PDB file of N, CA and C in Angstrom:
ATOM      1  N   UNK A   1       0.052 -20.555  -2.441  1.00  0.00           N
ATOM      2  CA  UNK A   1      -0.315 -20.235  -1.076  1.00  0.00           C
ATOM      3  C   UNK A   1      -1.440 -21.390  -0.904  1.00  0.00           C
ATOM      4  N   UNK A   2      -1.867 -22.644  -0.244  1.00  0.00           N
ATOM      5  CA  UNK A   2      -2.902 -22.952   0.517  1.00  0.00           C
ATOM      6  C   UNK A   2      -3.773 -22.127   1.505  1.00  0.00           C
ATOM      7  N   UNK A   3      -4.771 -22.625   2.110  1.00  0.00           N
ATOM      8  CA  UNK A   3      -5.518 -22.217   2.944  1.00  0.00           C
ATOM      9  C   UNK A   3      -4.728 -21.594   4.620  1.00  0.00           C
ATOM     10  N   UNK A   4      -4.285 -23.480   4.375  1.00  0.00           N
ATOM     11  CA  UNK A   4      -3.690 -23.293   5.677  1.00  0.00           C
ATOM     12  C   UNK A   4      -2.656 -22.522   5.676  1.00  0.00           C
ATOM     13  N   UNK A   5      -2.340 -22.338   4.759  1.00  0.00           N
ATOM     14  CA  UNK A   5      -0.325 -21.263   5.023  1.00  0.00           C
ATOM     15  C   UNK A   5      -0.737 -19.809   4.805  1.00  0.00           C
ATOM     16  N   UNK A   6      -1.927 -19.622   4.711  1.00  0.00           N
ATOM     17  CA  UNK A   6      -1.521 -18.166   4.760  1.00  0.00           C
ATOM     18  C   UNK A   6      -2.910 -17.737   6.026  1.00  0.00           C
ATOM     19  N   UNK A   7      -3.256 -19.073   6.644  1.00  0.00           N
ATOM     20  CA  UNK A   7      -3.797 -18.534   7.618  1.00  0.00           C
ATOM     21  C   UNK A   7      -2.800 -18.423   9.012  1.00  0.00           C
ATOM     22  N   UNK A   8      -1.642 -19.606   8.496  1.00  0.00           N
ATOM     23  CA  UNK A   8      -0.505 -19.545   9.379  1.00  0.00           C
ATOM     24  C   UNK A   8       0.487 -17.989   9.806  1.00  0.00           C
ATOM     25  N   UNK A   9       0.309 -17.527   8.301  1.00  0.00           N
ATOM     26  CA  UNK A   9       0.885 -16.389   8.231  1.00  0.00           C
ATOM     27  C   UNK A   9       0.174 -14.699   8.895  1.00  0.00           C
ATOM     28  N   UNK A  10      -1.112 -15.199   8.552  1.00  0.00           N
ATOM     29  CA  UNK A  10      -2.235 -13.947   9.248  1.00  0.00           C
ATOM     30  C   UNK A  10      -2.225 -13.901  10.325  1.00  0.00           C
ATOM     31  N   UNK A  11      -1.864 -15.091  11.316  1.00  0.00           N
ATOM     32  CA  UNK A  11      -1.908 -15.073  12.718  1.00  0.00           C
ATOM     33  C   UNK A  11      -0.828 -14.613  13.269  1.00  0.00           C
ATOM     34  N   UNK A  12       0.554 -14.769  12.177  1.00  0.00           N
ATOM     35  CA  UNK A  12       1.617 -14.208  12.813  1.00  0.00           C
ATOM     36  C   UNK A  12       1.461 -13.109  13.373  1.00  0.00           C
ATOM     37  N   UNK A  13       1.118 -11.975  11.803  1.00  0.00           N
ATOM     38  CA  UNK A  13       0.859 -10.151  10.955  1.00  0.00           C
ATOM     39  C   UNK A  13       0.432 -10.098  12.577  1.00  0.00           C
ATOM     40  N   UNK A  14      -1.197 -11.003  12.663  1.00  0.00           N
ATOM     41  CA  UNK A  14      -1.767 -10.626  13.470  1.00  0.00           C
ATOM     42  C   UNK A  14      -1.112 -10.192  15.318  1.00  0.00           C
ATOM     43  N   UNK A  15      -0.816 -11.640  15.223  1.00  0.00           N
ATOM     44  CA  UNK A  15       0.314 -11.085  16.660  1.00  0.00           C
ATOM     45  C   UNK A  15       1.037  -9.635  16.722  1.00  0.00           C
ATOM     46  N   UNK A  16       2.024  -9.621  15.707  1.00  0.00           N
ATOM     47  CA  UNK A  16       3.510  -8.884  15.114  1.00  0.00           C
ATOM     48  C   UNK A  16       2.201  -7.298  15.034  1.00  0.00           C
ATOM     49  N   UNK A  17       1.033  -7.556  14.775  1.00  0.00           N
ATOM     50  CA  UNK A  17       0.196  -6.127  15.335  1.00  0.00           C
ATOM     51  C   UNK A  17       0.136  -5.468  15.894  1.00  0.00           C
ATOM     52  N   UNK A  18      -0.322  -6.596  17.115  1.00  0.00           N
ATOM     53  CA  UNK A  18      -0.950  -6.341  18.539  1.00  0.00           C
ATOM     54  C   UNK A  18      -0.434  -6.280  19.423  1.00  0.00           C
ATOM     55  N   UNK A  19       1.804  -6.377  19.289  1.00  0.00           N
ATOM     56  CA  UNK A  19       2.631  -6.176  19.713  1.00  0.00           C
ATOM     57  C   UNK A  19       3.192  -4.850  19.697  1.00  0.00           C
ATOM     58  N   UNK A  20       2.611  -4.356  17.901  1.00  0.00           N
ATOM     59  CA  UNK A  20       2.995  -2.604  17.201  1.00  0.00           C
ATOM     60  C   UNK A  20       1.630  -2.161  18.184  1.00  0.00           C
ATOM     61  N   UNK A  21       0.580  -2.396  18.349  1.00  0.00           N
ATOM     62  CA  UNK A  21      -0.224  -1.460  18.933  1.00  0.00           C
ATOM     63  C   UNK A  21      -0.195  -1.643  20.671  1.00  0.00           C
ATOM     64  N   UNK A  22       0.716  -2.480  21.115  1.00  0.00           N
ATOM     65  CA  UNK A  22       0.698  -2.100  22.376  1.00  0.00           C
ATOM     66  C   UNK A  22       1.868  -0.888  22.565  1.00  0.00           C
ATOM     67  N   UNK A  23       3.006  -1.562  22.275  1.00  0.00           N
ATOM     68  CA  UNK A  23       3.776  -0.457  21.986  1.00  0.00           C
ATOM     69  C   UNK A  23       3.268   1.116  21.650  1.00  0.00           C
ATOM     70  N   UNK A  24       2.734   1.428  20.539  1.00  0.00           N
ATOM     71  CA  UNK A  24       2.321   2.773  20.084  1.00  0.00           C
ATOM     72  C   UNK A  24       1.242   3.065  21.460  1.00  0.00           C
ATOM     73  N   UNK A  25       0.696   2.536  21.762  1.00  0.00           N
ATOM     74  CA  UNK A  25      -0.436   3.044  22.758  1.00  0.00           C
ATOM     75  C   UNK A  25       0.697   3.852  23.967  1.00  0.00           C
ATOM     76  N   UNK A  26       1.764   2.811  24.024  1.00  0.00           N
ATOM     77  CA  UNK A  26       2.470   3.378  25.665  1.00  0.00           C
ATOM     78  C   UNK A  26       2.678   4.688  25.014  1.00  0.00           C
ATOM     79  N   UNK A  27       3.147   4.749  23.884  1.00  0.00           N
ATOM     80  CA  UNK A  27       3.826   5.359  23.146  1.00  0.00           C
ATOM     81  C   UNK A  27       3.101   7.037  23.202  1.00  0.00           C
ATOM     82  N   UNK A  28       1.920   6.512  22.665  1.00  0.00           N
ATOM     83  CA  UNK A  28       0.982   7.988  22.689  1.00  0.00           C
ATOM     84  C   UNK A  28       0.718   7.895  23.882  1.00  0.00           C
ATOM     85  N   UNK A  29       0.111   7.428  25.145  1.00  0.00           N
ATOM     86  CA  UNK A  29      -0.029   7.658  26.503  1.00  0.00           C
ATOM     87  C   UNK A  29       1.244   8.478  27.131  1.00  0.00           C
ATOM     88  N   UNK A  30       2.381   8.553  27.063  1.00  0.00           N
ATOM     89  CA  UNK A  30       3.607   9.209  27.914  1.00  0.00           C
ATOM     90  C   UNK A  30       4.023   8.416  28.432  1.00  0.00           C
ATOM     91  N   UNK A  31       3.067   7.014  29.008  1.00  0.00           N
ATOM     92  CA  UNK A  31       3.788   6.278  29.549  1.00  0.00           C
ATOM     93  C   UNK A  31       5.609   5.889  29.488  1.00  0.00           C
ATOM     94  N   UNK A  32       5.470   5.452  27.992  1.00  0.00           N
ATOM     95  CA  UNK A  32       6.579   5.445  27.622  1.00  0.00           C
ATOM     96  C   UNK A  32       7.444   6.483  26.972  1.00  0.00           C
ATOM     97  N   UNK A  33       8.658   6.448  27.540  1.00  0.00           N
ATOM     98  CA  UNK A  33       9.352   7.807  26.305  1.00  0.00           C
ATOM     99  C   UNK A  33      10.905   7.097  25.670  1.00  0.00           C
ATOM    100  N   UNK A  34      11.045   7.179  24.737  1.00  0.00           N
ATOM    101  CA  UNK A  34      12.767   7.338  24.069  1.00  0.00           C
ATOM    102  C   UNK A  34      13.500   8.403  23.701  1.00  0.00           C
ATOM    103  N   UNK A  35      14.682   7.925  24.717  1.00  0.00           N
ATOM    104  CA  UNK A  35      15.938   8.790  24.170  1.00  0.00           C
ATOM    105  C   UNK A  35      16.909   8.576  24.045  1.00  0.00           C
ATOM    106  N   UNK A  36      17.720   8.613  23.170  1.00  0.00           N
ATOM    107  CA  UNK A  36      19.011   8.903  21.923  1.00  0.00           C
ATOM    108  C   UNK A  36      19.712   9.884  22.047  1.00  0.00           C
ATOM    109  N   UNK A  37      21.300   9.700  21.947  1.00  0.00           N
ATOM    110  CA  UNK A  37      22.471  10.377  21.768  1.00  0.00           C
ATOM    111  C   UNK A  37      23.312   9.740  20.467  1.00  0.00           C
ATOM    112  N   UNK A  38      23.886  10.668  20.531  1.00  0.00           N
ATOM    113  CA  UNK A  38      24.975  10.980  18.886  1.00  0.00           C
ATOM    114  C   UNK A  38      26.017  10.752  20.232  1.00  0.00           C
ATOM    115  N   UNK A  39      27.199   9.467  20.034  1.00  0.00           N
ATOM    116  CA  UNK A  39      28.482   9.936  20.891  1.00  0.00           C
ATOM    117  C   UNK A  39      28.404  10.648  21.770  1.00  0.00           C
ATOM    118  N   UNK A  40      29.145  11.983  22.575  1.00  0.00           N
ATOM    119  CA  UNK A  40      28.979  12.449  23.700  1.00  0.00           C
ATOM    120  C   UNK A  40      27.796  13.224  24.292  1.00  0.00           C
ATOM    121  N   UNK A  41      27.215  13.529  22.451  1.00  0.00           N
ATOM    122  CA  UNK A  41      25.972  14.636  22.702  1.00  0.00           C
ATOM    123  C   UNK A  41      25.655  14.393  23.394  1.00  0.00           C
ATOM    124  N   UNK A  42      24.298  15.352  23.150  1.00  0.00           N
ATOM    125  CA  UNK A  42      23.222  15.723  24.193  1.00  0.00           C
ATOM    126  C   UNK A  42      22.111  15.164  24.269  1.00  0.00           C
ATOM    127  N   UNK A  43      21.361  14.251  25.019  1.00  0.00           N
ATOM    128  CA  UNK A  43      20.083  13.139  24.946  1.00  0.00           C
ATOM    129  C   UNK A  43      19.237  14.048  24.160  1.00  0.00           C
ATOM    130  N   UNK A  44      18.643  13.145  23.692  1.00  0.00           N
ATOM    131  CA  UNK A  44      17.633  13.698  22.736  1.00  0.00           C
ATOM    132  C   UNK A  44      16.203  12.798  22.852  1.00  0.00           C
ATOM    133  N   UNK A  45      15.249  13.996  23.189  1.00  0.00           N
ATOM    134  CA  UNK A  45      13.795  12.380  22.671  1.00  0.00           C
ATOM    135  C   UNK A  45      13.632  12.969  21.242  1.00  0.00           C
ATOM    136  N   UNK A  46      13.550  10.844  21.673  1.00  0.00           N
ATOM    137  CA  UNK A  46      13.017  10.299  20.195  1.00  0.00           C
ATOM    138  C   UNK A  46      11.497   9.764  20.092  1.00  0.00           C
ATOM    139  N   UNK A  47      10.513  10.143  21.164  1.00  0.00           N
ATOM    140  CA  UNK A  47       9.581   9.613  21.241  1.00  0.00           C
ATOM    141  C   UNK A  47       8.523   9.720  20.232  1.00  0.00           C
ATOM    142  N   UNK A  48       8.901  10.962  19.177  1.00  0.00           N
ATOM    143  CA  UNK A  48       7.836  11.051  18.025  1.00  0.00           C
ATOM    144  C   UNK A  48       8.318  10.178  16.584  1.00  0.00           C
ATOM    145  N   UNK A  49      10.011  10.093  16.938  1.00  0.00           N
ATOM    146  CA  UNK A  49      10.372   8.978  16.015  1.00  0.00           C
ATOM    147  C   UNK A  49       9.867   8.217  16.131  1.00  0.00           C
ATOM    148  N   UNK A  50       9.639   7.609  17.083  1.00  0.00           N
ATOM    149  CA  UNK A  50       9.300   6.142  17.724  1.00  0.00           C
ATOM    150  C   UNK A  50       7.548   5.694  17.515  1.00  0.00           C
ATOM    151  N   UNK A  51       7.318   6.629  17.894  1.00  0.00           N
ATOM    152  CA  UNK A  51       5.670   6.963  17.385  1.00  0.00           C
ATOM    153  C   UNK A  51       5.376   6.986  16.464  1.00  0.00           C
ATOM    154  N   UNK A  52       6.122   7.299  15.406  1.00  0.00           N
ATOM    155  CA  UNK A  52       6.154   7.805  13.818  1.00  0.00           C
ATOM    156  C   UNK A  52       6.313   5.796  13.293  1.00  0.00           C
ATOM    157  N   UNK A  53       7.257   5.535  14.044  1.00  0.00           N
ATOM    158  CA  UNK A  53       8.076   4.197  13.384  1.00  0.00           C
ATOM    159  C   UNK A  53       6.709   3.290  13.431  1.00  0.00           C
ATOM    160  N   UNK A  54       6.535   3.262  15.168  1.00  0.00           N
ATOM    161  CA  UNK A  54       4.755   2.335  14.989  1.00  0.00           C
ATOM    162  C   UNK A  54       3.621   2.788  14.350  1.00  0.00           C
ATOM    163  N   UNK A  55       3.634   3.694  14.072  1.00  0.00           N
ATOM    164  CA  UNK A  55       2.245   3.751  13.152  1.00  0.00           C
ATOM    165  C   UNK A  55       2.977   3.453  11.875  1.00  0.00           C
ATOM    166  N   UNK A  56       3.699   3.225  11.353  1.00  0.00           N
ATOM    167  CA  UNK A  56       4.411   3.230  10.062  1.00  0.00           C
ATOM    168  C   UNK A  56       3.914   1.461  10.092  1.00  0.00           C
ATOM    169  N   UNK A  57       5.054   0.603  10.770  1.00  0.00           N
ATOM    170  CA  UNK A  57       4.633  -0.987  10.768  1.00  0.00           C
ATOM    171  C   UNK A  57       3.298  -0.621  10.872  1.00  0.00           C
ATOM    172  N   UNK A  58       1.998  -0.207  12.202  1.00  0.00           N
ATOM    173  CA  UNK A  58       0.578  -1.145  12.209  1.00  0.00           C
ATOM    174  C   UNK A  58      -0.218  -0.784  10.924  1.00  0.00           C
ATOM    175  N   UNK A  59       0.296   0.401  10.059  1.00  0.00           N
ATOM    176  CA  UNK A  59      -0.181   0.270   8.593  1.00  0.00           C
ATOM    177  C   UNK A  59       0.019  -0.848   7.455  1.00  0.00           C
ATOM    178  N   UNK A  60       1.443  -0.717   7.784  1.00  0.00           N
ATOM    179  CA  UNK A  60       1.607  -1.773   6.884  1.00  0.00           C
ATOM    180  C   UNK A  60       1.409  -3.048   6.765  1.00  0.00           C
ATOM    181  N   UNK A  61       1.446  -3.800   8.935  1.00  0.00           N
ATOM    182  CA  UNK A  61       0.740  -4.989   9.445  1.00  0.00           C
ATOM    183  C   UNK A  61      -0.634  -4.596   8.851  1.00  0.00           C
ATOM    184  N   UNK A  62      -1.647  -3.817   8.754  1.00  0.00           N
ATOM    185  CA  UNK A  62      -3.345  -3.844   8.459  1.00  0.00           C
ATOM    186  C   UNK A  62      -2.961  -3.931   7.209  1.00  0.00           C
ATOM    187  N   UNK A  63      -2.544  -3.565   6.100  1.00  0.00           N
ATOM    188  CA  UNK A  63      -2.235  -3.489   4.753  1.00  0.00           C
ATOM    189  C   UNK A  63      -1.758  -5.371   4.418  1.00  0.00           C
ATOM    190  N   UNK A  64      -1.261  -5.456   5.164  1.00  0.00           N
ATOM    191  CA  UNK A  64      -0.599  -7.063   4.966  1.00  0.00           C
ATOM    192  C   UNK A  64      -1.727  -8.188   5.282  1.00  0.00           C
ATOM    193  N   UNK A  65      -2.260  -8.143   6.298  1.00  0.00           N
ATOM    194  CA  UNK A  65      -3.565  -8.713   6.780  1.00  0.00           C
ATOM    195  C   UNK A  65      -4.854  -8.416   5.599  1.00  0.00           C
ATOM    196  N   UNK A  66      -4.996  -6.793   5.295  1.00  0.00           N
ATOM    197  CA  UNK A  66      -6.390  -6.874   4.443  1.00  0.00           C
ATOM    198  C   UNK A  66      -5.789  -7.640   3.508  1.00  0.00           C
ATOM    199  N   UNK A  67      -4.673  -7.478   2.644  1.00  0.00           N
ATOM    200  CA  UNK A  67      -4.233  -8.651   1.417  1.00  0.00           C
ATOM    201  C   UNK A  67      -4.375 -10.182   1.469  1.00  0.00           C
ATOM    202  N   UNK A  68      -4.225 -10.574   2.664  1.00  0.00           N
ATOM    203  CA  UNK A  68      -3.828 -12.141   3.087  1.00  0.00           C
ATOM    204  C   UNK A  68      -5.784 -12.227   3.004  1.00  0.00           C
ATOM    205  N   UNK A  69      -5.868 -10.954   3.456  1.00  0.00           N
ATOM    206  CA  UNK A  69      -8.038 -11.839   4.266  1.00  0.00           C
ATOM    207  C   UNK A  69      -8.259 -11.322   2.309  1.00  0.00           C
ATOM    208  N   UNK A  70      -7.636 -10.658   1.221  1.00  0.00           N
ATOM    209  CA  UNK A  70      -8.540 -11.026  -0.013  1.00  0.00           C
ATOM    210  C   UNK A  70      -8.358 -12.513  -0.328  1.00  0.00           C
ATOM    211  N   UNK A  71      -7.035 -12.712   0.153  1.00  0.00           N
ATOM    212  CA  UNK A  71      -6.971 -13.845  -0.848  1.00  0.00           C
ATOM    213  C   UNK A  71      -7.425 -14.981  -0.884  1.00  0.00           C
ATOM    214  N   UNK A  72      -7.709 -14.992   0.579  1.00  0.00           N
ATOM    215  CA  UNK A  72      -8.315 -15.942   1.572  1.00  0.00           C
ATOM    216  C   UNK A  72     -10.224 -16.229   1.014  1.00  0.00           C
ATOM    217  N   UNK A  73     -10.198 -14.577   0.133  1.00  0.00           N
ATOM    218  CA  UNK A  73     -11.887 -14.732  -0.201  1.00  0.00           C
ATOM    219  C   UNK A  73     -11.848 -15.473  -1.230  1.00  0.00           C
ATOM    220  N   UNK A  74     -10.392 -15.652  -2.345  1.00  0.00           N
ATOM    221  CA  UNK A  74     -10.417 -16.152  -3.288  1.00  0.00           C
ATOM    222  C   UNK A  74     -10.177 -17.519  -3.889  1.00  0.00           C
ATOM    223  N   UNK A  75     -10.259 -17.886  -2.535  1.00  0.00           N
ATOM    224  CA  UNK A  75     -10.198 -19.406  -2.514  1.00  0.00           C
ATOM    225  C   UNK A  75     -11.059 -20.051  -1.481  1.00  0.00           C
ATOM    226  N   UNK A  76     -12.575 -18.886  -1.690  1.00  0.00           N
ATOM    227  CA  UNK A  76     -13.655 -19.409  -0.778  1.00  0.00           C
ATOM    228  C   UNK A  76     -14.327 -20.254  -2.735  1.00  0.00           C
TER     229      UNK A  76
END
């Protein structure tokens, strides 16, 4: 993969990371919450699950961006 392709992919991942971080900030601040239920069962707070998923996504995007940065350094 050449430098321009890596930079384009990096930009896309940075954008995705920003979206995840915005969602995570809303979940952590209590501004946004998530509820769900199974069938006709009671509604349950699922904010913690969504927050955990957002944190895992954040880490994944950070790792991918770091990997791309390393590849870019190798091309210099």
